[in-house]
Amino acid sequence: MFRDGPERVLVFRVGAEQFGVALSAVREVVDAPEVNRVPDAAPSLLGVALVRGELIPLYDARVILGVDAATAAPGAALLFSTDGRRVALAIDDVFDPVPVEEQELRPMPGAGAAEVIIRGLIRRGHDLIAVLDDAALL
């Protein structure tokens, strides 16, 4: 991130919180797929979803990011490719990418469990957006 100037960050919502991840890390954004539960799976794994004929593990952003949110079903999923396999992150909503300069990124005070995942904060208008480290997220 930030190798050659500003980075485009895809902004998404989980509960009432806004997060961003490098647009280059996201392979695709899809409407929330139907989820098939996996017995005895970790709490962060919602299950597997069939996306374009491929079974993809779908993880719950609420659990991973430590966000308290209503139990409403996710509205979308971010698809990532890592180490030759695809994974998905269930989110509530997705917004347009925003350009971010490195000097705009502010340290995250007391991030708690999500400390290693969150690189810092940016401000857009009245909104604070937590920018995630895609490598740590995956």
Protein backbone atom coordinates (compact mmCIF):
# COMPACT_ATOMS: atom_id res chain seq x y z
CA MET A 1 0.00 0.00 0.00
CA PHE A 2 1.20 3.54 -0.80
CA ARG A 3 4.07 2.48 -3.06
CA ASP A 4 3.43 4.92 -5.90
CA GLY A 5 1.35 7.73 -4.44
CA PRO A 6 -2.29 7.57 -3.34
CA GLU A 7 -3.96 4.21 -2.83
CA ARG A 8 -7.58 3.56 -3.75
CA VAL A 9 -9.39 2.17 -0.73
CA LEU A 10 -12.73 0.34 -1.03
CA VAL A 11 -14.99 1.54 1.79
CA PHE A 12 -17.54 -0.82 3.34
CA ARG A 13 -19.82 -0.92 6.38
CA VAL A 14 -20.12 -3.51 9.12
CA GLY A 15 -22.80 -2.57 11.64
CA ALA A 16 -22.45 1.18 12.23
CA GLU A 17 -18.69 1.17 11.53
CA GLN A 18 -16.93 1.98 8.25
CA PHE A 19 -13.81 0.18 7.11
CA GLY A 20 -11.60 0.34 4.07
CA VAL A 21 -9.30 -2.11 2.34
CA ALA A 22 -6.96 -1.60 -0.60
CA LEU A 23 -9.04 -1.89 -3.76
CA SER A 24 -6.21 -3.87 -5.36
CA ALA A 25 -6.70 -6.63 -2.75
CA VAL A 26 -10.40 -7.12 -3.55
CA ARG A 27 -11.08 -9.39 -6.53
CA GLU A 28 -14.83 -8.89 -6.63
CA VAL A 29 -17.84 -7.57 -4.73
CA VAL A 30 -21.01 -9.69 -4.88
CA ASP A 31 -24.46 -9.60 -3.33
CA ALA A 32 -24.58 -11.73 -0.20
CA PRO A 33 -24.58 -15.36 -1.38
CA GLU A 34 -26.58 -18.16 0.17
CA VAL A 35 -24.54 -19.71 2.97
CA ASN A 36 -24.27 -23.40 3.81
CA ARG A 37 -23.22 -23.86 7.42
CA VAL A 38 -20.20 -26.01 8.30
CA PRO A 39 -20.57 -28.12 11.46
CA ASP A 40 -18.14 -27.30 14.29
CA ALA A 41 -16.68 -24.33 12.37
CA ALA A 42 -14.95 -21.44 14.09
CA PRO A 43 -17.30 -18.57 15.07
CA SER A 44 -15.73 -16.37 12.39
CA LEU A 45 -16.72 -18.79 9.60
CA LEU A 46 -20.32 -18.34 8.51
CA GLY A 47 -20.04 -21.32 6.17
CA VAL A 48 -19.37 -21.90 2.50
CA ALA A 49 -21.05 -20.19 -0.43
CA LEU A 50 -21.34 -21.18 -4.05
CA VAL A 51 -20.08 -18.31 -6.23
CA ARG A 52 -19.87 -18.95 -9.97
CA GLY A 53 -19.67 -22.70 -9.45
CA GLU A 54 -16.92 -22.54 -6.80
CA LEU A 55 -17.32 -23.23 -3.08
CA ILE A 56 -15.82 -20.31 -1.16
CA PRO A 57 -15.46 -19.99 2.63
CA LEU A 58 -17.44 -16.98 3.86
CA TYR A 59 -16.15 -15.26 7.00
CA ASP A 60 -18.12 -12.93 9.29
CA ALA A 61 -16.58 -9.45 9.35
CA ARG A 62 -18.45 -8.69 12.59
CA VAL A 63 -16.55 -11.39 14.47
CA ILE A 64 -13.18 -10.72 12.82
CA LEU A 65 -13.36 -6.96 13.39
CA GLY A 66 -15.04 -7.12 16.80
CA VAL A 67 -18.08 -5.09 15.74
CA ASP A 68 -21.35 -5.35 17.63
CA ALA A 69 -24.06 -5.37 15.02
CA ALA A 70 -27.66 -6.37 14.62
CA THR A 71 -28.22 -9.95 13.56
CA ALA A 72 -29.49 -8.92 10.13
CA ALA A 73 -28.11 -10.94 7.26
CA PRO A 74 -25.10 -9.49 5.43
CA GLY A 75 -25.89 -7.47 2.32
CA ALA A 76 -22.72 -8.17 0.32
CA ALA A 77 -19.45 -10.06 0.29
CA LEU A 78 -15.92 -9.06 -0.64
CA LEU A 79 -14.03 -11.79 -2.51
CA PHE A 80 -10.28 -12.11 -2.11
CA SER A 81 -7.68 -14.43 -3.63
CA THR A 82 -4.88 -15.51 -1.35
CA ASP A 83 -2.30 -18.24 -1.80
CA GLY A 84 -4.17 -19.68 -4.77
CA ARG A 85 -7.55 -19.92 -3.07
CA ARG A 86 -10.53 -17.64 -2.80
CA VAL A 87 -12.15 -16.47 0.43
CA ALA A 88 -15.03 -14.09 1.10
CA LEU A 89 -15.82 -11.60 3.84
CA ALA A 90 -19.50 -10.95 4.64
CA ILE A 91 -20.24 -7.24 5.07
CA ASP A 92 -23.36 -5.10 5.43
CA ASP A 93 -22.84 -2.58 2.63
CA VAL A 94 -20.18 -1.34 0.23
CA PHE A 95 -19.42 2.19 -0.94
CA ASP A 96 -17.25 3.74 -3.63
CA PRO A 97 -13.45 3.58 -3.45
CA VAL A 98 -11.71 6.70 -2.14
CA PRO A 99 -8.15 7.87 -2.85
CA VAL A 100 -5.98 7.94 0.28
CA GLU A 101 -2.58 9.57 0.64
CA GLU A 102 -0.15 7.97 3.09
CA GLN A 103 0.02 11.12 5.24
CA GLU A 104 -3.78 10.96 5.73
CA LEU A 105 -3.52 7.68 7.63
CA ARG A 106 -3.63 8.33 11.39
CA PRO A 107 -2.65 5.81 14.09
CA MET A 108 -5.47 3.79 15.63
CA PRO A 109 -5.70 4.46 19.38
CA GLY A 110 -6.49 1.34 21.45
CA ALA A 111 -7.87 -0.90 18.71
CA GLY A 112 -8.20 -3.92 21.01
CA ALA A 113 -8.56 -7.31 19.30
CA ALA A 114 -8.55 -5.78 15.82
CA GLU A 115 -5.23 -4.03 16.52
CA VAL A 116 -3.14 -6.06 14.07
CA ILE A 117 -5.75 -5.83 11.32
CA ILE A 118 -6.28 -2.05 11.41
CA ARG A 119 -3.49 0.02 9.83
CA GLY A 120 -4.97 3.37 10.84
CA LEU A 121 -7.82 5.83 10.44
CA ILE A 122 -8.76 8.30 7.75
CA ARG A 123 -11.40 10.99 7.91
CA ARG A 124 -13.84 11.67 5.10
CA GLY A 125 -16.19 14.50 6.02
CA HIS A 126 -17.72 13.53 9.36
CA ASP A 127 -16.89 9.84 8.90
CA LEU A 128 -13.95 7.94 10.37
CA ILE A 129 -12.85 4.97 8.28
CA ALA A 130 -10.62 2.26 9.73
CA VAL A 131 -8.20 1.15 6.99
CA LEU A 132 -7.43 -2.56 7.20
CA ASP A 133 -4.20 -4.38 6.44
CA ASP A 134 -5.39 -6.85 3.81
CA ALA A 135 -2.51 -9.28 4.47
CA ALA A 136 -3.36 -9.46 8.19
CA LEU A 137 -7.09 -9.65 7.42
CA LEU A 138 -6.64 -12.69 5.21
